[in-house]
Amino acid sequence: MSAVTATLPRIWPSPGGKPLPPTGMAEVFRAFARDLAAGRRAWDAGTARFIAGQFDELAAEWDTSRATGRDDPLRDALDRGGPFPDGTCLELGSGTGLFTPLLDSAFEWVISVDLAEQMLRQAVGRSPLRVRADASALPAADAQVAVIAAIDMLLFPAEIARVLAPDGVLLWINQLGEDGPQYWPADDVAAALPGQWHAVEAQAGWGGWAVLRRRV
């Protein structure tokens, strides 16, 4: 339940024109995400259907009207957050696959996982391996996943801890940093995960990243 976090200096500048979420929306969703991760709010079939339906409706226009168009935090994390273990990377909340090719260049196997079927359909051509699944109950064996990449994703602490190998890594990306609806600083992510974790984090572009490993 505790963390040791190292913060690296920024090397990717923050460009102008940062797209900000609607007033109040980010705060509401951050509160929902934190309550969910802490067990103060249940994740049930009805909630999953609602979230999937929302993203299914957005899938066709996601790349043109919703995506930031920037991958600075992920690139910086892959450059400076390693070394990473060999093996399978699960990309949770993979959406339309905008970041899958970059992950594919870094890891041996990348499996794109999303709750929204239409998002996965839009990812054809970017994500060769796609699975429609709920991140609260991943179709993966215990302690078999090398890397989990969570880009602007809800946090399911127990499930992440279950599937990650002992030397596995959580790659946590916030594209819009503190302004984004999924923003968590590394210390808070580590505190939510079972056990003890070490984190490296940095800001990059509009957002930031953290790489978390179990402490041994």
Protein backbone atom coordinates (compact mmCIF):
# COMPACT_ATOMS: atom_id res chain seq x y z
CA MET A 1 0.00 0.00 0.00
CA SER A 2 3.02 2.31 -0.07
CA ALA A 3 5.12 3.77 -2.87
CA VAL A 4 8.53 5.19 -3.62
CA THR A 5 8.32 7.55 -6.59
CA ALA A 6 11.11 9.04 -8.67
CA THR A 7 10.22 12.05 -10.80
CA LEU A 8 12.21 12.60 -13.98
CA PRO A 9 12.73 16.06 -15.51
CA ARG A 10 10.50 17.08 -18.41
CA ILE A 11 12.11 16.79 -21.84
CA TRP A 12 8.99 16.98 -24.04
CA PRO A 13 7.59 20.54 -23.99
CA SER A 14 3.89 21.23 -23.62
CA PRO A 15 2.56 22.69 -26.89
CA GLY A 16 -0.22 25.25 -27.12
CA GLY A 17 -3.80 24.43 -27.93
CA LYS A 18 -4.35 21.85 -25.23
CA PRO A 19 -7.91 20.47 -25.58
CA LEU A 20 -9.71 20.78 -22.24
CA PRO A 21 -12.70 18.61 -21.24
CA PRO A 22 -16.04 20.35 -20.60
CA THR A 23 -16.22 22.21 -17.30
CA GLY A 24 -16.97 19.85 -14.45
CA MET A 25 -16.89 16.68 -16.55
CA ALA A 26 -13.33 15.75 -15.70
CA GLU A 27 -13.89 16.30 -11.98
CA VAL A 28 -17.00 14.11 -11.95
CA PHE A 29 -15.29 11.29 -13.81
CA ARG A 30 -12.15 11.48 -11.66
CA ALA A 31 -14.32 11.12 -8.56
CA PHE A 32 -16.09 8.13 -10.12
CA ALA A 33 -12.77 6.49 -11.04
CA ARG A 34 -11.30 6.98 -7.57
CA ASP A 35 -14.41 5.64 -5.83
CA LEU A 36 -14.35 2.63 -8.15
CA ALA A 37 -10.67 1.87 -7.52
CA ALA A 38 -11.11 2.24 -3.76
CA GLY A 39 -14.13 -0.07 -3.67
CA ARG A 40 -16.50 2.71 -2.62
CA ARG A 41 -18.47 2.21 -5.83
CA ALA A 42 -19.42 -1.09 -7.39
CA TRP A 43 -18.57 -2.04 -10.95
CA ASP A 44 -21.48 -4.18 -12.10
CA ALA A 45 -22.99 -5.39 -15.36
CA GLY A 46 -25.23 -2.34 -15.66
CA THR A 47 -22.33 0.08 -15.26
CA ALA A 48 -20.27 -1.87 -17.79
CA ARG A 49 -23.10 -1.80 -20.33
CA PHE A 50 -23.55 1.94 -19.85
CA ILE A 51 -19.85 2.73 -20.32
CA ALA A 52 -19.60 0.42 -23.33
CA GLY A 53 -22.65 2.04 -24.90
CA GLN A 54 -21.22 5.53 -24.45
CA PHE A 55 -17.99 4.60 -26.20
CA ASP A 56 -19.75 2.62 -28.91
CA GLU A 57 -21.62 5.81 -29.84
CA LEU A 58 -18.38 7.80 -29.98
CA ALA A 59 -16.32 5.24 -31.90
CA ALA A 60 -16.95 6.46 -35.46
CA GLU A 61 -15.92 10.04 -34.67
CA TRP A 62 -13.31 9.32 -32.02
CA ASP A 63 -10.20 9.84 -34.13
CA THR A 64 -11.38 13.12 -35.62
CA SER A 65 -13.20 14.81 -32.75
CA ARG A 66 -12.12 13.17 -29.47
CA ALA A 67 -8.52 12.01 -29.78
CA THR A 68 -5.74 14.41 -28.82
CA GLY A 69 -3.60 13.40 -31.79
CA ARG A 70 -0.51 13.34 -29.56
CA ASP A 71 1.51 10.46 -28.15
CA ASP A 72 4.21 12.40 -26.28
CA PRO A 73 3.60 10.80 -22.85
CA LEU A 74 3.67 7.26 -24.23
CA ARG A 75 6.81 7.87 -26.30
CA ASP A 76 8.59 9.39 -23.32
CA ALA A 77 7.52 6.52 -21.07
CA LEU A 78 8.83 3.94 -23.52
CA ASP A 79 12.10 5.86 -23.91
CA ARG A 80 12.82 6.55 -20.23
CA GLY A 81 10.61 4.26 -18.16
CA GLY A 82 12.40 0.98 -18.89
CA PRO A 83 13.79 -1.52 -18.88
CA PHE A 84 10.63 -3.48 -19.59
CA PRO A 85 10.26 -7.24 -19.20
CA ASP A 86 9.83 -9.50 -22.21
CA GLY A 87 6.42 -10.96 -22.88
CA THR A 88 2.85 -9.94 -23.54
CA CYS A 89 1.54 -6.40 -23.22
CA LEU A 90 -2.15 -5.94 -22.50
CA GLU A 91 -3.36 -2.57 -23.80
CA LEU A 92 -6.39 -1.82 -21.63
CA GLY A 93 -8.99 0.59 -22.98
CA SER A 94 -7.30 0.37 -26.37
CA GLY A 95 -10.10 2.21 -28.17
CA THR A 96 -9.53 2.74 -31.88
CA GLY A 97 -5.95 1.54 -31.65
CA LEU A 98 -4.25 4.91 -32.04
CA PHE A 99 -1.43 3.91 -29.69
CA THR A 100 -1.21 0.21 -30.56
CA PRO A 101 1.43 0.54 -33.32
CA LEU A 102 3.73 2.39 -30.92
CA LEU A 103 3.27 -0.29 -28.27
CA ASP A 104 3.78 -2.93 -30.95
CA SER A 105 7.19 -1.45 -31.72
CA ALA A 106 8.23 -1.85 -28.08
CA PHE A 107 6.76 -5.20 -27.01
CA GLU A 108 6.78 -8.71 -28.44
CA TRP A 109 3.01 -9.21 -28.25
CA VAL A 110 0.36 -6.53 -27.80
CA ILE A 111 -3.24 -7.55 -27.14
CA SER A 112 -5.74 -4.71 -27.40
CA VAL A 113 -8.55 -4.98 -24.85
CA ASP A 114 -11.64 -2.80 -24.82
CA LEU A 115 -15.18 -3.03 -23.50
CA ALA A 116 -16.71 -1.27 -26.51
CA GLU A 117 -17.18 -3.45 -29.59
CA GLN A 118 -17.40 -0.51 -31.98
CA MET A 119 -14.10 0.89 -30.72
CA LEU A 120 -12.43 -2.43 -31.51
CA ARG A 121 -14.01 -2.46 -34.97
CA GLN A 122 -12.49 0.95 -35.65
CA ALA A 123 -9.10 -0.47 -34.63
CA VAL A 124 -8.92 -2.93 -37.54
CA GLY A 125 -5.62 -2.34 -39.31
CA ARG A 126 -3.96 -0.93 -36.20
CA SER A 127 -4.51 -3.66 -33.63
CA PRO A 128 -3.89 -7.16 -35.03
CA LEU A 129 -4.91 -8.84 -31.74
CA ARG A 130 -8.16 -7.46 -30.33
CA VAL A 131 -10.27 -8.80 -27.47
CA ARG A 132 -13.58 -7.45 -26.21
CA ALA A 133 -13.37 -7.85 -22.45
CA ASP A 134 -14.09 -6.18 -19.14
CA ALA A 135 -10.89 -4.93 -17.49
CA SER A 136 -12.33 -5.83 -14.08
CA ALA A 137 -12.20 -9.53 -15.08
CA LEU A 138 -9.47 -9.98 -17.67
CA PRO A 139 -9.27 -13.21 -19.70
CA ALA A 140 -5.69 -13.79 -18.53
CA ALA A 141 -4.08 -16.27 -16.15
CA ASP A 142 -2.57 -15.21 -12.86
CA ALA A 143 0.91 -13.65 -12.98
CA GLN A 144 1.39 -14.13 -16.73
CA VAL A 145 1.34 -10.59 -18.19
CA ALA A 146 4.61 -8.69 -18.62
CA VAL A 147 3.19 -5.21 -19.21
CA ILE A 148 -0.18 -3.57 -18.78
CA ALA A 149 -0.56 -0.35 -20.75
CA ALA A 150 -3.41 1.77 -19.41
CA ILE A 151 -3.88 4.98 -21.40
CA ASP A 152 -6.59 7.23 -19.89
CA MET A 153 -8.12 4.13 -18.37
CA LEU A 154 -10.11 3.21 -15.26
CA LEU A 155 -8.00 1.55 -12.58
CA PHE A 156 -8.94 -1.95 -11.40
CA PRO A 157 -6.18 -2.51 -8.81
CA ALA A 158 -6.86 -6.10 -7.76
CA GLU A 159 -7.13 -7.33 -11.34
CA ILE A 160 -3.95 -5.58 -12.44
CA ALA A 161 -2.07 -7.08 -9.51
CA ARG A 162 -3.52 -10.53 -10.29
CA VAL A 163 -2.47 -10.77 -13.94
CA LEU A 164 0.92 -9.01 -13.79
CA ALA A 165 3.94 -11.26 -13.49
CA PRO A 166 6.13 -10.72 -10.40
CA ASP A 167 8.46 -8.55 -12.49
CA GLY A 168 5.57 -7.09 -14.49
CA VAL A 169 5.09 -3.40 -15.17
CA LEU A 170 2.07 -1.09 -15.18
CA LEU A 171 2.44 1.66 -17.78
CA TRP A 172 0.05 4.42 -16.70
CA ILE A 173 -0.55 7.25 -19.18
CA ASN A 174 -2.58 10.46 -18.78
CA GLN A 175 -2.74 12.29 -22.09
CA LEU A 176 -4.01 15.57 -20.61
CA GLY A 177 -2.29 15.40 -17.24
CA GLU A 178 -4.12 17.05 -14.35
CA ASP A 179 -6.82 18.34 -16.72
CA GLY A 180 -7.83 14.88 -17.91
CA PRO A 181 -10.76 12.84 -16.59
CA GLN A 182 -8.50 9.88 -15.74
CA TYR A 183 -5.68 11.76 -14.05
CA TRP A 184 -3.99 10.10 -11.07
CA PRO A 185 -0.50 10.95 -9.82
CA ALA A 186 1.83 7.98 -9.53
CA ASP A 187 1.73 7.91 -5.71
CA ASP A 188 -2.07 7.56 -5.75
CA VAL A 189 -2.01 4.78 -8.35
CA ALA A 190 0.61 2.90 -6.32
CA ALA A 191 -1.35 3.38 -3.09
CA ALA A 192 -4.44 1.87 -4.72
CA LEU A 193 -2.58 -1.27 -5.85
CA PRO A 194 -2.23 -4.22 -3.47
CA GLY A 195 1.27 -4.54 -2.04
CA GLN A 196 4.24 -2.20 -2.31
CA TRP A 197 5.23 -0.49 -5.54
CA HIS A 198 7.98 1.68 -6.96
CA ALA A 199 7.09 4.32 -9.56
CA VAL A 200 8.95 6.48 -12.05
CA GLU A 201 6.98 9.38 -13.49
CA ALA A 202 7.39 12.44 -15.69
CA GLN A 203 5.40 15.06 -17.55
CA ALA A 204 5.50 15.04 -21.33
CA GLY A 205 3.61 17.13 -23.84
CA TRP A 206 0.11 17.87 -22.53
CA GLY A 207 0.14 14.95 -20.15
CA GLY A 208 2.24 12.64 -18.08
CA TRP A 209 3.16 9.05 -17.43
CA ALA A 210 4.16 6.65 -14.70
CA VAL A 211 5.79 3.24 -14.80
CA LEU A 212 5.05 1.15 -11.71
CA ARG A 213 6.78 -2.02 -10.51
CA ARG A 214 6.43 -4.13 -7.39
CA ARG A 215 9.04 -3.45 -4.74
CA VAL A 216 11.19 -6.42 -3.82
